[in-house]
Protein backbone atom coordinates (compact mmCIF):
# COMPACT_ATOMS: atom_id res chain seq x y z
CA MET A 1 -8.96 182.10 176.67
CA MET A 2 -12.38 182.75 175.21
CA LEU A 3 -13.82 180.36 177.79
CA GLY A 4 -13.32 183.03 180.45
CA ILE A 5 -15.25 185.60 178.45
CA LEU A 6 -18.04 183.10 177.80
CA LEU A 7 -18.36 182.12 181.45
CA LEU A 8 -18.49 185.74 182.56
CA PHE A 9 -21.04 186.61 179.90
CA LEU A 10 -23.26 183.74 180.98
CA ALA A 11 -22.91 184.72 184.63
CA SER A 12 -23.95 188.30 183.89
CA TRP A 13 -26.81 187.13 181.65
CA ALA A 14 -28.05 184.65 184.26
CA ALA A 15 -28.06 187.38 186.88
CA GLY A 16 -30.08 189.53 184.49
CA THR A 17 -27.95 192.55 185.21
CA GLU A 18 -25.46 194.81 183.57
CA SER A 19 -23.46 197.16 185.72
CA GLY A 20 -24.98 200.54 186.50
CA THR A 21 -23.16 203.84 186.65
CA PRO A 22 -19.45 203.03 186.88
CA ARG A 23 -17.60 203.97 190.04
CA PHE A 24 -13.94 204.75 189.53
CA GLY A 25 -11.02 204.73 191.90
CA ALA A 26 -7.34 205.49 191.39
CA TRP A 27 -4.02 205.49 193.18
CA LEU A 28 -1.98 208.52 194.09
CA THR A 29 1.66 207.44 194.36
CA TYR A 30 4.17 209.22 196.57
CA TRP A 31 6.60 209.70 193.66
CA GLU A 32 3.99 211.39 191.44
CA PHE A 33 1.74 212.70 194.16
CA ASN A 34 1.34 216.31 193.07
CA ARG A 35 0.71 215.41 189.44
CA GLY A 36 -1.82 212.78 190.47
CA LEU A 37 -3.53 215.13 192.89
CA GLU A 38 -3.86 217.68 190.10
CA ARG A 39 -5.72 215.03 188.09
CA VAL A 40 -8.14 214.49 190.97
CA ARG A 41 -8.73 218.20 191.32
CA THR A 42 -9.43 218.71 187.63
CA ALA A 43 -11.92 215.82 187.42
CA PRO A 44 -14.44 216.45 190.22
CA GLY A 45 -17.18 213.89 190.37
CA LEU A 46 -15.17 211.18 188.63
CA PHE A 47 -13.61 209.29 191.52
CA ASP A 48 -15.42 207.50 194.33
CA ASP A 49 -12.24 206.05 195.82
CA ILE A 50 -8.73 207.45 196.04
CA LEU A 51 -6.00 205.14 197.26
CA PHE A 52 -2.93 206.79 198.74
CA PHE A 53 0.12 204.72 197.81
CA VAL A 54 2.27 206.33 200.49
CA ALA A 55 3.03 203.69 203.17
CA ALA A 56 5.66 200.96 203.08
CA LEU A 57 7.66 199.02 205.69
CA GLY A 58 10.30 200.46 207.96
CA ARG A 59 13.41 198.50 208.81
CA ASP A 60 11.68 197.40 212.03
CA GLY A 61 8.78 195.97 209.99
CA ARG A 62 6.33 198.65 211.11
CA PRO A 63 4.37 200.55 208.44
CA ALA A 64 5.77 204.00 207.76
CA LEU A 65 5.06 206.84 205.35
CA ALA A 66 7.54 207.11 202.51
CA ARG A 67 7.06 210.90 202.49
CA PRO A 68 5.20 212.08 205.62
CA GLU A 69 4.95 215.64 204.33
CA LEU A 70 2.46 214.56 201.66
CA LEU A 71 -0.28 214.05 204.24
CA THR A 72 0.05 217.40 205.96
CA ASP A 73 -2.44 218.82 203.46
CA PRO A 74 -6.09 218.24 204.55
CA ILE A 75 -6.79 216.40 201.31
CA VAL A 76 -8.18 213.28 203.01
CA ARG A 77 -10.70 215.34 204.97
CA GLU A 78 -11.64 217.34 201.88
CA LEU A 79 -12.19 214.20 199.83
CA ARG A 80 -14.45 212.79 202.53
CA SER A 81 -16.53 215.98 202.55
CA ARG A 82 -17.16 215.38 198.83
CA GLY A 83 -18.20 211.77 199.34
CA VAL A 84 -14.91 210.26 198.17
CA ARG A 85 -13.46 207.39 200.20
CA SER A 86 -9.74 207.56 200.90
CA TRP A 87 -7.69 204.42 201.46
CA LEU A 88 -4.20 204.05 202.89
CA THR A 89 -2.27 201.58 200.74
CA VAL A 90 0.48 199.72 202.59
CA VAL A 91 2.91 197.97 200.25
CA ASN A 92 5.64 195.53 201.23
CA ASP A 93 8.46 197.71 199.95
CA LEU A 94 11.22 198.05 202.53
CA LEU A 95 12.05 201.72 202.94
CA PRO A 96 15.73 202.60 202.47
CA GLU A 97 18.12 203.50 205.18
CA LYS A 98 19.83 206.86 204.77
CA GLY A 99 21.70 206.84 201.49
CA GLY A 100 20.43 203.38 200.57
CA ARG A 101 17.81 202.02 198.20
CA ALA A 102 14.39 200.58 198.85
CA ILE A 103 13.83 196.83 198.54
CA LEU A 104 10.73 196.38 196.42
CA LYS A 105 8.15 193.72 197.28
CA ASP A 106 10.21 192.42 200.20
CA ALA A 107 8.98 188.91 201.00
CA HIS A 108 11.53 188.37 203.77
CA THR A 109 10.15 191.03 206.12
CA VAL A 110 6.58 189.85 205.53
CA HIS A 111 7.68 186.29 206.35
CA TRP A 112 9.01 187.50 209.70
CA ILE A 113 5.79 189.43 210.43
CA LEU A 114 3.56 186.48 209.56
CA SER A 115 5.67 183.89 211.37
CA ASP A 116 5.84 185.70 214.71
CA PRO A 117 2.42 186.22 216.39
CA SER A 118 3.77 189.13 218.43
CA ALA A 119 5.27 190.82 215.37
CA GLY A 120 2.06 190.24 213.44
CA ARG A 121 -0.06 191.77 216.18
CA THR A 122 2.24 194.79 216.45
CA HIS A 123 2.17 195.21 212.69
CA ARG A 124 -1.62 195.06 212.48
CA HIS A 125 -2.11 197.56 215.28
CA ALA A 126 0.40 199.95 213.69
CA ILE A 127 -1.48 199.81 210.38
CA VAL A 128 -4.78 200.59 212.12
CA GLU A 129 -3.22 203.44 214.08
CA LEU A 130 -1.65 204.97 210.98
CA ALA A 131 -4.89 204.83 208.99
CA ALA A 132 -6.94 206.29 211.87
CA ARG A 133 -4.41 209.06 212.53
CA TYR A 134 -4.83 210.51 209.04
CA GLY A 135 -8.57 209.97 208.77
CA PHE A 136 -8.64 207.29 206.08
CA SER A 137 -11.83 205.34 205.41
CA GLY A 138 -9.93 202.09 205.09
CA VAL A 139 -6.70 200.26 204.40
CA ASP A 140 -5.56 198.66 201.15
CA LEU A 141 -3.02 195.88 201.72
CA ASP A 142 -0.71 195.37 198.73
CA TYR A 143 1.75 192.62 199.73
CA GLU A 144 3.16 191.08 196.56
CA ASN A 145 5.63 188.37 195.56
CA LEU A 146 5.11 186.47 198.80
CA LYS A 147 6.38 182.92 199.15
CA ALA A 148 3.84 180.15 198.63
CA GLN A 149 4.46 178.96 202.19
CA GLU A 150 2.88 182.18 203.49
CA ARG A 151 -0.53 181.37 202.00
CA ASP A 152 -2.40 180.28 205.13
CA ARG A 153 -0.57 182.67 207.44
CA PHE A 154 -1.37 185.58 205.12
CA SER A 155 -5.08 184.63 205.10
CA LEU A 156 -5.05 184.56 208.91
CA PHE A 157 -3.28 187.92 209.06
CA VAL A 158 -5.87 189.47 206.75
CA ARG A 159 -8.72 188.04 208.82
CA GLU A 160 -7.28 189.49 212.01
CA LEU A 161 -6.49 192.84 210.38
CA ALA A 162 -10.06 193.06 209.05
CA ALA A 163 -11.37 192.57 212.59
CA ASP A 164 -8.98 195.18 214.01
CA LEU A 165 -10.03 197.70 211.36
CA ALA A 166 -13.74 196.97 211.75
CA ALA A 167 -13.47 197.72 215.46
CA LYS A 168 -12.40 201.25 214.44
CA GLY A 169 -15.05 201.56 211.72
CA LEU A 170 -12.51 201.12 208.92
CA ARG A 171 -12.68 198.91 205.83
CA LEU A 172 -10.12 196.56 204.31
CA SER A 173 -9.11 196.07 200.70
CA VAL A 174 -6.54 193.52 199.55
CA THR A 175 -4.81 194.02 196.19
CA VAL A 176 -3.60 190.81 194.57
CA GLN A 177 -1.57 189.73 191.56
CA PRO A 178 -3.54 188.12 188.72
CA LYS A 179 -3.98 184.40 188.11
CA ARG A 180 -6.26 182.34 185.89
CA HIS A 181 -6.31 179.18 188.00
CA GLU A 182 -5.37 178.04 191.46
CA SER A 183 -1.72 177.43 192.18
CA ARG A 184 0.71 177.10 195.05
CA SER A 185 3.48 179.08 193.42
CA ASP A 186 5.27 182.08 194.85
CA GLY A 187 3.62 185.40 194.07
CA PRO A 188 0.01 184.95 192.85
CA GLY A 189 -0.21 181.46 194.37
CA ALA A 190 0.57 182.80 197.84
CA THR A 191 -2.86 184.44 198.07
CA ASP A 192 -5.97 182.35 198.72
CA TRP A 193 -8.69 184.39 197.05
CA ARG A 194 -11.49 182.32 198.55
CA GLN A 195 -10.28 182.96 202.09
CA LEU A 196 -9.42 186.61 201.48
CA CYS A 197 -12.89 187.31 200.06
CA ARG A 198 -14.49 185.97 203.20
CA THR A 199 -12.96 188.69 205.35
CA ALA A 200 -11.83 191.64 203.18
CA ASP A 201 -14.38 194.16 201.90
CA ARG A 202 -12.69 194.28 198.50
CA LEU A 203 -10.41 192.01 196.52
CA GLN A 204 -8.68 194.29 194.02
CA ILE A 205 -7.31 192.18 191.18
CA MET A 206 -4.47 193.55 189.07
CA LEU A 207 -5.65 193.02 185.49
CA TYR A 208 -2.27 193.59 183.91
CA ASN A 209 1.15 191.92 183.54
CA LEU A 210 0.00 189.53 180.82
CA HIS A 211 3.27 190.75 179.34
CA SER A 212 5.88 192.17 181.68
CA ALA A 213 9.58 192.23 182.48
CA LYS A 214 9.39 188.43 182.76
CA THR A 215 8.08 187.96 179.20
CA GLY A 216 8.63 189.21 175.70
CA PRO A 217 6.85 192.31 174.38
CA GLY A 218 3.09 192.38 174.16
CA PRO A 219 -0.04 194.10 175.50
CA LEU A 220 -0.27 194.46 179.27
CA ALA A 221 -3.76 192.94 179.14
CA THR A 222 -6.30 191.77 176.59
CA PRO A 223 -10.08 191.34 176.97
CA ALA A 224 -9.78 187.55 176.67
CA TRP A 225 -7.07 187.33 179.34
CA ILE A 226 -9.05 189.67 181.60
CA GLY A 227 -12.04 187.37 181.11
CA ASP A 228 -10.01 184.34 182.14
CA VAL A 229 -8.74 186.02 185.32
CA LEU A 230 -12.21 187.19 186.33
CA ALA A 231 -13.80 183.85 185.45
CA PHE A 232 -11.50 182.20 187.98
CA ALA A 233 -12.13 184.99 190.50
CA ARG A 234 -15.88 184.35 190.36
CA THR A 235 -15.30 180.73 191.39
CA GLN A 236 -13.55 182.00 194.51
CA CYS A 237 -15.30 185.22 195.47
CA ASP A 238 -18.63 186.93 195.79
CA PRO A 239 -18.57 189.09 192.61
CA ALA A 240 -19.69 192.07 194.68
CA ARG A 241 -16.30 192.03 196.43
CA ILE A 242 -14.22 191.86 193.24
CA VAL A 243 -12.74 195.17 192.07
CA PRO A 244 -10.81 195.11 188.75
CA VAL A 245 -7.61 197.17 188.47
CA LEU A 246 -6.45 198.55 185.11
CA LYS A 247 -2.98 199.91 184.42
CA VAL A 248 -2.94 203.16 182.45
CA SER A 249 0.72 203.30 181.38
CA GLY A 250 3.06 200.97 179.46
CA MET A 251 6.42 199.25 179.09
CA ASP A 252 9.47 199.54 176.84
CA TRP A 253 11.29 196.29 176.01
CA GLY A 254 14.86 196.96 174.85
CA PRO A 255 18.35 195.44 174.77
CA GLY A 256 19.11 196.80 178.23
CA GLY A 257 15.99 195.32 179.81
CA VAL A 258 12.43 196.45 180.39
CA LYS A 259 11.35 199.75 181.86
CA ALA A 260 8.00 201.31 182.68
CA VAL A 261 6.86 204.28 180.62
CA SER A 262 4.01 206.71 181.10
CA HIS A 263 1.66 207.60 178.29
CA ALA A 264 3.53 210.89 177.83
CA GLU A 265 6.89 209.13 177.68
CA ALA A 266 5.63 206.59 175.15
CA ALA A 267 4.16 209.30 172.93
CA ALA A 268 7.39 211.32 173.14
CA LEU A 269 9.46 208.28 172.10
CA ALA A 270 7.26 207.63 169.07
CA GLU A 271 7.54 211.27 168.05
CA ALA A 272 11.29 211.48 168.64
CA TYR A 273 12.01 208.40 166.54
CA GLU A 274 9.35 209.29 163.96
CA VAL A 275 7.65 205.91 164.07
CA ALA A 276 4.00 205.10 163.48
CA ILE A 277 1.86 203.94 166.37
CA GLN A 278 -0.17 200.82 165.60
CA ARG A 279 -2.89 199.02 167.58
CA GLU A 280 -3.05 195.35 168.47
CA PRO A 281 -6.37 194.00 167.19
CA GLU A 282 -8.02 192.46 170.25
CA GLY A 283 -7.80 195.17 172.89
CA GLU A 284 -6.65 198.09 170.70
CA ALA A 285 -3.58 198.72 172.85
CA PRO A 286 -1.19 201.03 170.99
CA PHE A 287 2.35 199.84 170.26
CA PHE A 288 5.37 200.78 168.18
CA ARG A 289 8.96 199.81 167.55
CA TYR A 290 12.01 202.03 167.33
CA VAL A 291 15.77 201.66 167.09
CA SER A 292 17.99 203.60 169.46
CA SER A 293 21.79 203.64 169.75
CA GLU A 294 21.58 200.55 171.96
CA GLY A 295 19.36 198.55 169.62
CA SER A 296 15.73 197.67 168.87
CA HIS A 297 12.89 198.48 171.27
CA THR A 298 9.21 197.55 171.40
CA VAL A 299 6.75 199.67 173.37
CA TYR A 300 3.23 198.69 174.37
CA PHE A 301 1.15 201.17 176.34
CA GLU A 302 -2.40 202.22 177.10
CA ASP A 303 -4.31 205.28 175.94
CA ALA A 304 -7.85 206.56 176.36
CA THR A 305 -9.15 204.33 173.55
CA SER A 306 -7.70 201.09 174.93
CA ILE A 307 -8.67 201.81 178.54
CA VAL A 308 -12.22 202.83 177.67
CA ARG A 309 -12.55 199.61 175.68
CA LYS A 310 -11.51 197.58 178.75
CA VAL A 311 -13.89 199.58 180.93
CA ALA A 312 -16.73 198.78 178.52
CA VAL A 313 -15.88 195.07 178.66
CA LEU A 314 -15.86 195.14 182.48
CA GLU A 315 -19.17 197.00 182.57
CA ARG A 316 -20.80 194.44 180.26
CA LEU A 317 -19.55 191.71 182.57
CA GLY A 318 -21.25 193.35 185.53
CA TYR A 319 -18.37 195.22 187.18
CA ASP A 320 -19.20 198.78 188.12
CA ARG A 321 -16.16 199.47 190.35
CA ILE A 322 -12.84 199.92 188.56
CA VAL A 323 -9.53 201.22 189.92
CA LEU A 324 -6.74 202.80 187.87
CA TRP A 325 -3.01 202.36 188.46
CA SER A 326 -1.93 205.15 188.66
CA LEU A 327 -2.78 208.85 188.34
CA GLY A 328 -0.32 211.08 186.53
CA ARG A 329 0.77 208.43 184.02
CA GLU A 330 -2.38 208.24 181.92
CA ASP A 331 -3.45 209.64 178.56
CA PRO A 332 -4.60 213.25 179.21
CA GLN A 333 -7.83 212.43 177.34
CA LEU A 334 -8.74 209.50 179.58
CA LEU A 335 -10.31 211.24 182.56
CA SER A 336 -12.63 213.42 180.46
CA GLN A 337 -13.80 210.33 178.58
CA LEU A 338 -14.46 208.49 181.83
CA LEU A 339 -16.34 211.53 183.14
CA SER A 340 -18.55 211.45 180.08
CA ARG A 341 -19.09 207.73 180.53
CA LYS A 342 -20.06 208.26 184.14
CA GLY A 343 -22.25 211.21 183.32
CA ALA A 344 -20.41 213.54 185.68
CA SER A 345 -19.67 217.15 184.86
CA PRO A 346 -16.29 217.57 183.15
CA GLN A 347 -15.80 221.03 184.60
CA ALA A 348 -12.57 221.62 186.48
CA GLY A 349 -12.65 222.07 190.19
CA ASP A 350 -10.39 222.42 193.21
CA LEU A 351 -10.48 220.32 196.35
CA ARG A 352 -8.64 222.87 198.40
């Protein structure tokens, strides 16, 4: 793993540069929209990009807003007036029918869209129209868990979408799952980073899920693992197009499965069960164990200390654009520390 760190260090040293003032972005999710928006409004000057995680796929395959009422507020226009770019994230979650449940990361619908030229064209045009209607600066495409067979078709779709957006003066970001080497597997292997970087303005790489619901307990990311992922990325992409993504929350591994927890939820669990919070040595991610009525649990999460450490590593490696997933789930101390790091005023403000 240390090879990745070494390669990135040498690349930064050879370029003779270290990143300048960091530029931060973050997602607002439709399920925690108001809490996330409050974070934006109390940290003016911190964010250069806000990504609105509000669009998914309708049953007809067309992009649709999960909660249309969220964009009735002129927040996009207000952000633009303050020099903040707003992006419409479209995720391949299939929105539920009345009384039903959403299908998360639906590969089947994306397969249909990519396999049918007419459906693909209709889908692209609908994305452009939706982004333009609400005044976004660009689109962030977050299609995950695709089948490996979609690899070339997805690259073509992204190339055509980039052209459609450019014709309207809009940018394109593609968010991808992490990988440390090339593969042809489902999920991460279904995205060709080299091809995507040739057409998208940004390749946003999820630097988390080192440990997840598919593994045993452990930190969501470590500096060495991050180095490995980015070392591979630099063999595929112009580094100027690579945008690291850090997760600010955590996970609870227990007898009943694995569930996501916010920083507040993790801290409340540790307090309720009166257990000490420790830190793993490499990345300083906090963790603890507790025993509930159902059995033993292990929780790993992120706080201001662990995130700032990762930010410092990314800055030393030459990355000055970093995106956070997602606002409203982070350590309350994090944004003020990032403001201080950026040199922006920590005074509260209101975008309304």
